[in-house]
PDB file of N, CA and C in Angstrom:
ATOM      1  N   MET A   1       0.474  -1.127   0.040  1.00  0.00           N
ATOM      2  CA  MET A   1      -0.184   0.335   0.053  1.00  0.00           C
ATOM      3  C   MET A   1       0.687   1.335  -0.117  1.00  0.00           C
ATOM      4  N   HIS A   2       0.692   2.303  -0.935  1.00  0.00           N
ATOM      5  CA  HIS A   2       1.193   3.350  -0.743  1.00  0.00           C
ATOM      6  C   HIS A   2       0.727   4.549   0.469  1.00  0.00           C
ATOM      7  N   LEU A   3       1.630   4.242   1.420  1.00  0.00           N
ATOM      8  CA  LEU A   3       1.094   5.328   2.208  1.00  0.00           C
ATOM      9  C   LEU A   3       0.612   7.142   1.674  1.00  0.00           C
ATOM     10  N   GLU A   4       1.462   7.376   0.371  1.00  0.00           N
ATOM     11  CA  GLU A   4       1.367   8.831   0.082  1.00  0.00           C
ATOM     12  C   GLU A   4      -0.292   9.119  -0.301  1.00  0.00           C
ATOM     13  N   ALA A   5      -0.839   8.153  -0.800  1.00  0.00           N
ATOM     14  CA  ALA A   5      -2.151   8.150  -1.142  1.00  0.00           C
ATOM     15  C   ALA A   5      -3.300   7.908  -0.118  1.00  0.00           C
ATOM     16  N   LEU A   6      -2.983   7.826   1.047  1.00  0.00           N
ATOM     17  CA  LEU A   6      -3.625   7.246   2.167  1.00  0.00           C
ATOM     18  C   LEU A   6      -4.375   9.078   2.431  1.00  0.00           C
ATOM     19  N   PHE A   7      -4.082   9.966   2.363  1.00  0.00           N
ATOM     20  CA  PHE A   7      -4.013  11.195   2.957  1.00  0.00           C
ATOM     21  C   PHE A   7      -5.169  11.932   1.832  1.00  0.00           C
ATOM     22  N   PRO A   8      -4.812  11.943   0.579  1.00  0.00           N
ATOM     23  CA  PRO A   8      -5.866  11.998  -0.549  1.00  0.00           C
ATOM     24  C   PRO A   8      -7.617  11.398  -0.120  1.00  0.00           C
ATOM     25  N   CYS A   9      -6.805   9.651  -0.304  1.00  0.00           N
ATOM     26  CA  CYS A   9      -8.409   9.063  -0.132  1.00  0.00           C
ATOM     27  C   CYS A   9      -9.081   9.773   0.810  1.00  0.00           C
ATOM     28  N   PHE A  10      -8.737  10.158   2.086  1.00  0.00           N
ATOM     29  CA  PHE A  10      -9.268  10.769   3.308  1.00  0.00           C
ATOM     30  C   PHE A  10      -9.890  11.586   2.632  1.00  0.00           C
ATOM     31  N   ILE A  11     -10.049  12.429   2.289  1.00  0.00           N
ATOM     32  CA  ILE A  11     -10.165  13.839   1.727  1.00  0.00           C
ATOM     33  C   ILE A  11     -11.144  13.827   0.843  1.00  0.00           C
ATOM     34  N   VAL A  12     -11.106  12.812  -0.518  1.00  0.00           N
ATOM     35  CA  VAL A  12     -11.996  12.670  -1.607  1.00  0.00           C
ATOM     36  C   VAL A  12     -12.979  11.798  -0.676  1.00  0.00           C
ATOM     37  N   SER A  13     -13.077  10.868   0.495  1.00  0.00           N
ATOM     38  CA  SER A  13     -13.909  10.114   0.662  1.00  0.00           C
ATOM     39  C   SER A  13     -15.203  11.342   1.725  1.00  0.00           C
ATOM     40  N   TYR A  14     -14.102  11.996   2.403  1.00  0.00           N
ATOM     41  CA  TYR A  14     -15.156  12.944   3.069  1.00  0.00           C
ATOM     42  C   TYR A  14     -15.775  13.977   2.141  1.00  0.00           C
ATOM     43  N   ILE A  15     -15.395  14.795   1.246  1.00  0.00           N
ATOM     44  CA  ILE A  15     -16.340  15.310  -0.004  1.00  0.00           C
ATOM     45  C   ILE A  15     -17.373  14.214  -0.543  1.00  0.00           C
ATOM     46  N   GLY A  16     -17.202  12.861  -0.751  1.00  0.00           N
ATOM     47  CA  GLY A  16     -17.984  12.551  -1.496  1.00  0.00           C
ATOM     48  C   GLY A  16     -19.412  12.213  -0.555  1.00  0.00           C
ATOM     49  N   ASP A  17     -18.883  12.145   0.658  1.00  0.00           N
ATOM     50  CA  ASP A  17     -19.775  11.841   1.736  1.00  0.00           C
ATOM     51  C   ASP A  17     -20.306  13.326   1.998  1.00  0.00           C
ATOM     52  N   TYR A  18     -19.923  14.286   2.447  1.00  0.00           N
ATOM     53  CA  TYR A  18     -20.967  15.154   2.322  1.00  0.00           C
ATOM     54  C   TYR A  18     -21.339  15.841   1.052  1.00  0.00           C
ATOM     55  N   ALA A  19     -20.820  15.292  -0.219  1.00  0.00           N
ATOM     56  CA  ALA A  19     -21.805  15.293  -1.820  1.00  0.00           C
ATOM     57  C   ALA A  19     -23.001  15.130  -1.620  1.00  0.00           C
ATOM     58  N   ALA A  20     -22.811  13.460  -0.997  1.00  0.00           N
ATOM     59  CA  ALA A  20     -23.832  12.713  -0.842  1.00  0.00           C
ATOM     60  C   ALA A  20     -24.801  13.187  -0.051  1.00  0.00           C
ATOM     61  N   THR A  21     -25.111  13.404   1.193  1.00  0.00           N
ATOM     62  CA  THR A  21     -25.781  13.297   2.292  1.00  0.00           C
ATOM     63  C   THR A  21     -26.184  14.857   2.050  1.00  0.00           C
ATOM     64  N   SER A  22     -25.419  15.555   1.882  1.00  0.00           N
ATOM     65  CA  SER A  22     -25.783  17.403   2.199  1.00  0.00           C
ATOM     66  C   SER A  22     -26.801  17.730   1.011  1.00  0.00           C
ATOM     67  N   ILE A  23     -25.830  17.329   0.144  1.00  0.00           N
ATOM     68  CA  ILE A  23     -26.256  18.365  -1.221  1.00  0.00           C
ATOM     69  C   ILE A  23     -27.590  17.953  -2.062  1.00  0.00           C
ATOM     70  N   TRP A  24     -27.275  16.408  -2.680  1.00  0.00           N
ATOM     71  CA  TRP A  24     -28.151  15.367  -2.793  1.00  0.00           C
ATOM     72  C   TRP A  24     -29.140  14.646  -1.492  1.00  0.00           C
ATOM     73  N   GLY A  25     -28.989  15.172  -1.017  1.00  0.00           N
ATOM     74  CA  GLY A  25     -29.954  14.847   0.356  1.00  0.00           C
ATOM     75  C   GLY A  25     -30.036  13.026   0.095  1.00  0.00           C
ATOM     76  N   VAL A  26     -29.129  12.168   0.077  1.00  0.00           N
ATOM     77  CA  VAL A  26     -29.446  10.973   0.363  1.00  0.00           C
ATOM     78  C   VAL A  26     -28.834  10.880   2.051  1.00  0.00           C
ATOM     79  N   HIS A  27     -29.739   9.922   2.017  1.00  0.00           N
ATOM     80  CA  HIS A  27     -29.576   9.382   3.643  1.00  0.00           C
ATOM     81  C   HIS A  27     -28.779   8.014   3.634  1.00  0.00           C
ATOM     82  N   ARG A  28     -27.833   8.106   4.711  1.00  0.00           N
ATOM     83  CA  ARG A  28     -27.279   6.814   5.405  1.00  0.00           C
ATOM     84  C   ARG A  28     -28.530   5.687   5.470  1.00  0.00           C
ATOM     85  N   SER A  29     -27.892   4.339   4.738  1.00  0.00           N
ATOM     86  CA  SER A  29     -28.772   3.219   5.040  1.00  0.00           C
ATOM     87  C   SER A  29     -28.216   3.277   6.763  1.00  0.00           C
ATOM     88  N   GLN A  30     -29.320   2.412   7.012  1.00  0.00           N
ATOM     89  CA  GLN A  30     -29.375   1.297   8.666  1.00  0.00           C
ATOM     90  C   GLN A  30     -29.084   0.225   8.613  1.00  0.00           C
ATOM     91  N   TYR A  31     -28.153  -0.725   9.441  1.00  0.00           N
ATOM     92  CA  TYR A  31     -27.976  -1.872   9.281  1.00  0.00           C
ATOM     93  C   TYR A  31     -28.073  -2.617  10.040  1.00  0.00           C
ATOM     94  N   ILE A  32     -29.161  -3.657   9.963  1.00  0.00           N
ATOM     95  CA  ILE A  32     -29.162  -4.301  11.426  1.00  0.00           C
ATOM     96  C   ILE A  32     -28.673  -5.661  10.800  1.00  0.00           C
ATOM     97  N   ALA A  33     -27.484  -6.409  12.068  1.00  0.00           N
ATOM     98  CA  ALA A  33     -27.147  -7.253  12.243  1.00  0.00           C
ATOM     99  C   ALA A  33     -27.602  -8.596  12.425  1.00  0.00           C
ATOM    100  N   CYS A  34     -27.355  -9.478  11.325  1.00  0.00           N
ATOM    101  CA  CYS A  34     -28.083 -10.640  11.698  1.00  0.00           C
ATOM    102  C   CYS A  34     -27.080 -11.533  11.087  1.00  0.00           C
ATOM    103  N   PHE A  35     -26.965 -12.696  12.233  1.00  0.00           N
ATOM    104  CA  PHE A  35     -26.072 -13.661  11.745  1.00  0.00           C
ATOM    105  C   PHE A  35     -26.636 -14.906  11.832  1.00  0.00           C
ATOM    106  N   PRO A  36     -25.967 -16.119  10.801  1.00  0.00           N
ATOM    107  CA  PRO A  36     -27.410 -17.421  11.017  1.00  0.00           C
ATOM    108  C   PRO A  36     -27.009 -18.212  12.391  1.00  0.00           C
ATOM    109  N   ASP A  37     -27.754 -19.141  12.391  1.00  0.00           N
ATOM    110  CA  ASP A  37     -27.059 -19.844  13.857  1.00  0.00           C
ATOM    111  C   ASP A  37     -26.518 -20.900  13.273  1.00  0.00           C
ATOM    112  N   VAL A  38     -25.415 -21.040  14.521  1.00  0.00           N
ATOM    113  CA  VAL A  38     -24.068 -21.987  14.276  1.00  0.00           C
ATOM    114  C   VAL A  38     -24.609 -23.260  14.578  1.00  0.00           C
ATOM    115  N   THR A  39     -24.833 -23.946  13.136  1.00  0.00           N
ATOM    116  CA  THR A  39     -24.726 -25.146  13.301  1.00  0.00           C
ATOM    117  C   THR A  39     -24.050 -25.859  12.202  1.00  0.00           C
ATOM    118  N   LEU A  40     -23.657 -27.690  12.344  1.00  0.00           N
ATOM    119  CA  LEU A  40     -22.867 -27.814  11.535  1.00  0.00           C
ATOM    120  C   LEU A  40     -22.823 -28.025  10.404  1.00  0.00           C
ATOM    121  N   PRO A  41     -24.213 -28.001   9.053  1.00  0.00           N
ATOM    122  CA  PRO A  41     -24.269 -27.635   8.151  1.00  0.00           C
ATOM    123  C   PRO A  41     -23.713 -25.946   7.905  1.00  0.00           C
ATOM    124  N   THR A  42     -24.329 -25.281   8.503  1.00  0.00           N
ATOM    125  CA  THR A  42     -23.877 -23.780   8.126  1.00  0.00           C
ATOM    126  C   THR A  42     -22.310 -23.629   8.541  1.00  0.00           C
ATOM    127  N   ILE A  43     -21.771 -24.170   9.004  1.00  0.00           N
ATOM    128  CA  ILE A  43     -20.101 -24.477   9.332  1.00  0.00           C
ATOM    129  C   ILE A  43     -19.858 -24.790   7.728  1.00  0.00           C
ATOM    130  N   LEU A  44     -19.834 -26.003   7.311  1.00  0.00           N
ATOM    131  CA  LEU A  44     -19.817 -26.784   6.522  1.00  0.00           C
ATOM    132  C   LEU A  44     -19.626 -26.068   5.357  1.00  0.00           C
ATOM    133  N   LYS A  45     -20.959 -25.157   5.035  1.00  0.00           N
ATOM    134  CA  LYS A  45     -21.287 -24.451   3.837  1.00  0.00           C
ATOM    135  C   LYS A  45     -20.161 -23.319   3.409  1.00  0.00           C
ATOM    136  N   PHE A  46     -20.325 -22.581   4.894  1.00  0.00           N
ATOM    137  CA  PHE A  46     -18.747 -21.636   4.794  1.00  0.00           C
ATOM    138  C   PHE A  46     -17.345 -21.860   4.562  1.00  0.00           C
ATOM    139  N   VAL A  47     -17.107 -23.636   4.798  1.00  0.00           N
ATOM    140  CA  VAL A  47     -16.207 -24.049   4.678  1.00  0.00           C
ATOM    141  C   VAL A  47     -16.151 -24.242   3.106  1.00  0.00           C
ATOM    142  N   PHE A  48     -16.944 -24.817   2.916  1.00  0.00           N
ATOM    143  CA  PHE A  48     -17.210 -25.290   1.287  1.00  0.00           C
ATOM    144  C   PHE A  48     -17.184 -23.875   0.462  1.00  0.00           C
ATOM    145  N   ALA A  49     -17.438 -22.466   0.728  1.00  0.00           N
ATOM    146  CA  ALA A  49     -17.208 -21.687   0.012  1.00  0.00           C
ATOM    147  C   ALA A  49     -16.193 -20.904   0.123  1.00  0.00           C
ATOM    148  N   ALA A  50     -15.264 -21.241   1.102  1.00  0.00           N
ATOM    149  CA  ALA A  50     -14.004 -20.461   1.626  1.00  0.00           C
ATOM    150  C   ALA A  50     -12.829 -21.145   0.900  1.00  0.00           C
ATOM    151  N   VAL A  51     -13.692 -22.470   0.310  1.00  0.00           N
ATOM    152  CA  VAL A  51     -12.534 -23.514  -0.360  1.00  0.00           C
ATOM    153  C   VAL A  51     -12.824 -23.064  -1.709  1.00  0.00           C
ATOM    154  N   LEU A  52     -13.792 -23.105  -1.946  1.00  0.00           N
ATOM    155  CA  LEU A  52     -14.056 -22.446  -3.429  1.00  0.00           C
ATOM    156  C   LEU A  52     -13.933 -20.748  -4.033  1.00  0.00           C
ATOM    157  N   PHE A  53     -13.525 -20.184  -3.435  1.00  0.00           N
ATOM    158  CA  PHE A  53     -12.848 -18.794  -3.517  1.00  0.00           C
ATOM    159  C   PHE A  53     -11.831 -18.968  -3.430  1.00  0.00           C
ATOM    160  N   GLY A  54     -11.152 -19.896  -2.449  1.00  0.00           N
ATOM    161  CA  GLY A  54      -9.649 -20.043  -3.060  1.00  0.00           C
ATOM    162  C   GLY A  54      -9.139 -20.687  -3.715  1.00  0.00           C
ATOM    163  N   LEU A  55      -9.525 -21.326  -4.431  1.00  0.00           N
ATOM    164  CA  LEU A  55      -9.602 -21.957  -5.272  1.00  0.00           C
ATOM    165  C   LEU A  55      -9.379 -20.888  -6.748  1.00  0.00           C
ATOM    166  N   ALA A  56     -10.378 -20.306  -6.643  1.00  0.00           N
ATOM    167  CA  ALA A  56     -10.999 -19.106  -7.744  1.00  0.00           C
ATOM    168  C   ALA A  56      -9.840 -18.195  -8.104  1.00  0.00           C
ATOM    169  N   SER A  57      -9.593 -18.080  -6.563  1.00  0.00           N
ATOM    170  CA  SER A  57      -7.957 -16.947  -6.418  1.00  0.00           C
ATOM    171  C   SER A  57      -6.982 -17.347  -7.033  1.00  0.00           C
ATOM    172  N   ARG A  58      -6.860 -18.684  -6.714  1.00  0.00           N
ATOM    173  CA  ARG A  58      -5.584 -19.345  -7.121  1.00  0.00           C
ATOM    174  C   ARG A  58      -5.703 -19.308  -8.659  1.00  0.00           C
ATOM    175  N   GLY A  59      -6.604 -19.707  -9.121  1.00  0.00           N
ATOM    176  CA  GLY A  59      -7.033 -20.007 -10.426  1.00  0.00           C
ATOM    177  C   GLY A  59      -6.357 -19.270 -11.284  1.00  0.00           C
ATOM    178  N   GLY A  60      -7.099 -17.826 -11.055  1.00  0.00           N
ATOM    179  CA  GLY A  60      -6.583 -16.406 -11.291  1.00  0.00           C
ATOM    180  C   GLY A  60      -5.276 -16.052 -11.181  1.00  0.00           C
ATOM    181  N   THR A  61      -4.911 -16.168  -9.899  1.00  0.00           N
ATOM    182  CA  THR A  61      -3.360 -15.680  -9.882  1.00  0.00           C
ATOM    183  C   THR A  61      -2.885 -16.536 -10.782  1.00  0.00           C
ATOM    184  N   ASP A  62      -3.123 -17.988 -10.774  1.00  0.00           N
ATOM    185  CA  ASP A  62      -2.090 -18.889 -12.256  1.00  0.00           C
ATOM    186  C   ASP A  62      -1.823 -18.301 -13.643  1.00  0.00           C
ATOM    187  N   THR A  63      -3.520 -17.825 -13.878  1.00  0.00           N
ATOM    188  CA  THR A  63      -3.795 -17.715 -15.480  1.00  0.00           C
ATOM    189  C   THR A  63      -3.130 -15.936 -15.177  1.00  0.00           C
ATOM    190  N   VAL A  64      -3.039 -14.795 -14.563  1.00  0.00           N
ATOM    191  CA  VAL A  64      -2.784 -13.783 -14.751  1.00  0.00           C
ATOM    192  C   VAL A  64      -1.097 -14.079 -14.550  1.00  0.00           C
ATOM    193  N   ARG A  65      -0.118 -14.872 -14.374  1.00  0.00           N
ATOM    194  CA  ARG A  65       0.981 -14.744 -13.972  1.00  0.00           C
ATOM    195  C   ARG A  65       1.425 -15.544 -14.794  1.00  0.00           C
ATOM    196  N   HIS A  66       1.352 -16.526 -15.999  1.00  0.00           N
ATOM    197  CA  HIS A  66       1.472 -17.131 -16.868  1.00  0.00           C
ATOM    198  C   HIS A  66       1.350 -16.760 -18.126  1.00  0.00           C
ATOM    199  N   CYS A  67       0.626 -15.422 -18.049  1.00  0.00           N
ATOM    200  CA  CYS A  67       0.033 -14.524 -19.680  1.00  0.00           C
ATOM    201  C   CYS A  67       1.295 -13.265 -19.538  1.00  0.00           C
ATOM    202  N   ASP A  68       1.814 -13.423 -20.831  1.00  0.00           N
ATOM    203  CA  ASP A  68       2.955 -12.942 -21.213  1.00  0.00           C
ATOM    204  C   ASP A  68       2.805 -12.284 -22.531  1.00  0.00           C
TER     205      ASP A  68
END
């Protein structure tokens, strides 16, 4: 991460927030945290999804690495 880009990113994010909320009148959404029940099938679904996402990530990086 390039630290010289951190300060401009903060400034732009505050300007964007001001533009969206004050100028255009967009209101922020209220999020309610909802967690699924922790059961064995739920844990297995999370593990299965994590393995699939990991394999997809690995395949993507291997593909990009071998493209010249």
